[in-house]
Amino acid sequence: MSFSLHHAVCMTYNAQKNTLRPDMTRIGLSPGQPKVLRFLAAHDSCMQKEIAQALDIEPATVSRLLANMEQNGLVARSAPEERRRAESVRITEEGRAAFSRWETVCHTAEEQSLRGFSEEERQQFLEYLSRMYQNLTKKSLK
């Protein structure tokens, strides 16, 4: 092969992003929102700080994402009166419905991406990606 791993990863990421973006828009989501919905679907009622830490994104970015998501009815926030930064965030039914549609889109894209891969190759590929992530971040993929 005459291309680097970095080039292959970047090109594949861009191809996946370009495949998913039209459906993301159709569902009414913007970049960054699907991963927040994924986290909230698994961790109901959590703090903004927890979301930022779990998703490796800046707290200010999480705040902007949540503001837009709240405006669109995907999440609800409730803040203790004395500490605005300690607000609790939860996914709404509308957010769960959007996330469910997103999961269907992702499953379809995953099947397209891995067409021709055996089950063993799929598992190996996921293991390789997981190890790469751990090498780069010292964290496990969740």
Protein backbone atom coordinates (compact mmCIF):
# COMPACT_ATOMS: atom_id res chain seq x y z
CA MET A 1 0.00 0.00 0.00
CA SER A 2 1.32 3.43 -0.86
CA PHE A 3 -0.61 5.45 1.70
CA SER A 4 -0.13 5.94 5.43
CA LEU A 5 -2.38 4.81 8.24
CA HIS A 6 -3.08 8.44 9.04
CA HIS A 7 -4.23 9.11 5.47
CA ALA A 8 -6.38 5.97 5.41
CA VAL A 9 -8.05 6.82 8.75
CA CYS A 10 -8.71 10.44 7.70
CA MET A 11 -10.12 9.49 4.31
CA THR A 12 -12.32 6.76 5.82
CA TYR A 13 -13.57 9.12 8.55
CA ASN A 14 -14.46 11.74 5.93
CA ALA A 15 -16.23 9.16 3.75
CA GLN A 16 -18.26 7.98 6.75
CA LYS A 17 -19.07 11.55 7.79
CA ASN A 18 -20.19 12.42 4.25
CA THR A 19 -22.36 9.29 4.14
CA LEU A 20 -24.03 10.06 7.48
CA ARG A 21 -24.38 13.85 7.30
CA PRO A 22 -27.49 14.02 5.03
CA ASP A 23 -29.41 11.65 7.31
CA MET A 24 -28.21 13.50 10.40
CA THR A 25 -29.67 16.69 8.94
CA ARG A 26 -32.88 14.91 7.91
CA ILE A 27 -33.34 13.66 11.50
CA GLY A 28 -32.77 17.20 12.77
CA LEU A 29 -29.40 16.67 14.41
CA SER A 30 -26.21 18.66 14.01
CA PRO A 31 -22.59 17.53 14.42
CA GLY A 32 -21.78 16.59 18.00
CA GLN A 33 -25.38 15.99 19.01
CA PRO A 34 -25.58 12.26 18.23
CA LYS A 35 -22.75 11.39 20.62
CA VAL A 36 -24.37 13.48 23.37
CA LEU A 37 -27.68 11.68 22.80
CA ARG A 38 -25.86 8.32 22.89
CA PHE A 39 -24.32 9.21 26.24
CA LEU A 40 -27.58 10.51 27.71
CA ALA A 41 -29.52 7.48 26.48
CA ALA A 42 -27.14 5.31 28.52
CA HIS A 43 -26.71 7.68 31.51
CA ASP A 44 -30.01 9.31 32.32
CA SER A 45 -29.82 12.51 34.32
CA CYS A 46 -26.16 13.46 34.53
CA MET A 47 -24.08 16.58 34.88
CA GLN A 48 -22.66 18.62 32.01
CA LYS A 49 -19.16 18.00 33.35
CA GLU A 50 -19.69 14.23 33.09
CA ILE A 51 -20.71 14.56 29.44
CA ALA A 52 -17.62 16.64 28.61
CA GLN A 53 -15.30 14.17 30.34
CA ALA A 54 -16.87 11.07 28.82
CA LEU A 55 -16.91 12.46 25.28
CA ASP A 56 -13.51 14.19 25.37
CA ILE A 57 -14.95 17.58 24.47
CA GLU A 58 -14.59 20.99 26.06
CA PRO A 59 -17.21 22.01 28.64
CA ALA A 60 -17.98 25.17 26.64
CA THR A 61 -18.70 23.02 23.58
CA VAL A 62 -21.02 20.80 25.64
CA SER A 63 -22.80 23.89 26.92
CA ARG A 64 -23.43 25.16 23.36
CA LEU A 65 -24.54 21.72 22.16
CA LEU A 66 -26.95 21.34 25.07
CA ALA A 67 -28.40 24.82 24.58
CA ASN A 68 -29.26 23.97 20.97
CA MET A 69 -30.51 20.52 21.90
CA GLU A 70 -32.72 21.94 24.65
CA GLN A 71 -34.13 24.51 22.23
CA ASN A 72 -35.00 21.65 19.84
CA GLY A 73 -36.62 19.56 22.57
CA LEU A 74 -33.99 16.79 22.56
CA VAL A 75 -32.81 17.30 26.13
CA ALA A 76 -34.05 18.95 29.29
CA ARG A 77 -31.87 20.65 31.86
CA SER A 78 -32.70 21.40 35.46
CA ALA A 79 -30.38 23.49 37.57
CA PRO A 80 -30.28 23.79 41.32
CA GLU A 81 -31.00 27.45 41.97
CA GLU A 82 -27.73 28.06 43.80
CA ARG A 83 -25.35 26.39 41.31
CA ARG A 84 -26.08 26.85 37.59
CA ARG A 85 -22.96 24.89 36.58
CA ALA A 86 -24.21 21.82 38.43
CA GLU A 87 -27.28 21.42 36.28
CA SER A 88 -28.60 17.98 35.55
CA VAL A 89 -29.26 16.95 31.96
CA ARG A 90 -31.60 14.26 30.70
CA ILE A 91 -32.74 13.05 27.32
CA THR A 92 -36.38 13.71 26.40
CA GLU A 93 -38.74 11.36 24.56
CA GLU A 94 -38.16 13.43 21.43
CA GLY A 95 -34.42 12.99 21.96
CA ARG A 96 -34.84 9.23 22.37
CA ALA A 97 -36.84 9.07 19.12
CA ALA A 98 -34.19 11.06 17.24
CA PHE A 99 -31.46 8.87 18.71
CA SER A 100 -33.32 5.72 17.67
CA ARG A 101 -33.55 7.01 14.09
CA TRP A 102 -29.85 7.90 14.22
CA GLU A 103 -28.96 4.39 15.41
CA THR A 104 -30.81 2.92 12.42
CA VAL A 105 -28.88 5.19 10.04
CA CYS A 106 -25.57 4.24 11.70
CA HIS A 107 -26.36 0.53 11.51
CA THR A 108 -27.05 0.84 7.78
CA ALA A 109 -23.79 2.77 7.23
CA GLU A 110 -21.88 0.22 9.30
CA GLU A 111 -23.24 -2.64 7.21
CA GLN A 112 -22.27 -0.78 4.05
CA SER A 113 -18.80 -0.03 5.41
CA LEU A 114 -18.11 -3.60 6.46
CA ARG A 115 -19.63 -5.35 3.44
CA GLY A 116 -17.43 -8.32 2.56
CA PHE A 117 -15.86 -8.54 6.03
CA SER A 118 -16.27 -11.83 7.87
CA GLU A 119 -17.55 -11.73 11.44
CA GLU A 120 -14.03 -12.51 12.64
CA GLU A 121 -12.60 -9.63 10.58
CA ARG A 122 -15.24 -7.28 11.98
CA GLN A 123 -14.29 -8.23 15.53
CA GLN A 124 -10.57 -7.88 14.78
CA PHE A 125 -11.09 -4.48 13.18
CA LEU A 126 -13.02 -3.25 16.23
CA GLU A 127 -10.28 -4.60 18.49
CA TYR A 128 -7.60 -2.79 16.46
CA LEU A 129 -9.50 0.50 16.62
CA SER A 130 -10.04 0.06 20.34
CA ARG A 131 -6.34 -0.56 20.92
CA MET A 132 -5.38 2.47 18.82
CA TYR A 133 -7.76 4.64 20.83
CA GLN A 134 -6.33 3.32 24.09
CA ASN A 135 -2.76 3.94 22.90
CA LEU A 136 -3.62 7.54 22.04
CA THR A 137 -5.80 8.42 25.03
CA LYS A 138 -4.96 5.92 27.78
CA LYS A 139 -8.74 5.29 27.94
CA SER A 140 -10.93 2.40 26.87
CA LEU A 141 -13.56 2.77 24.20
CA LYS A 142 -17.02 2.62 25.73
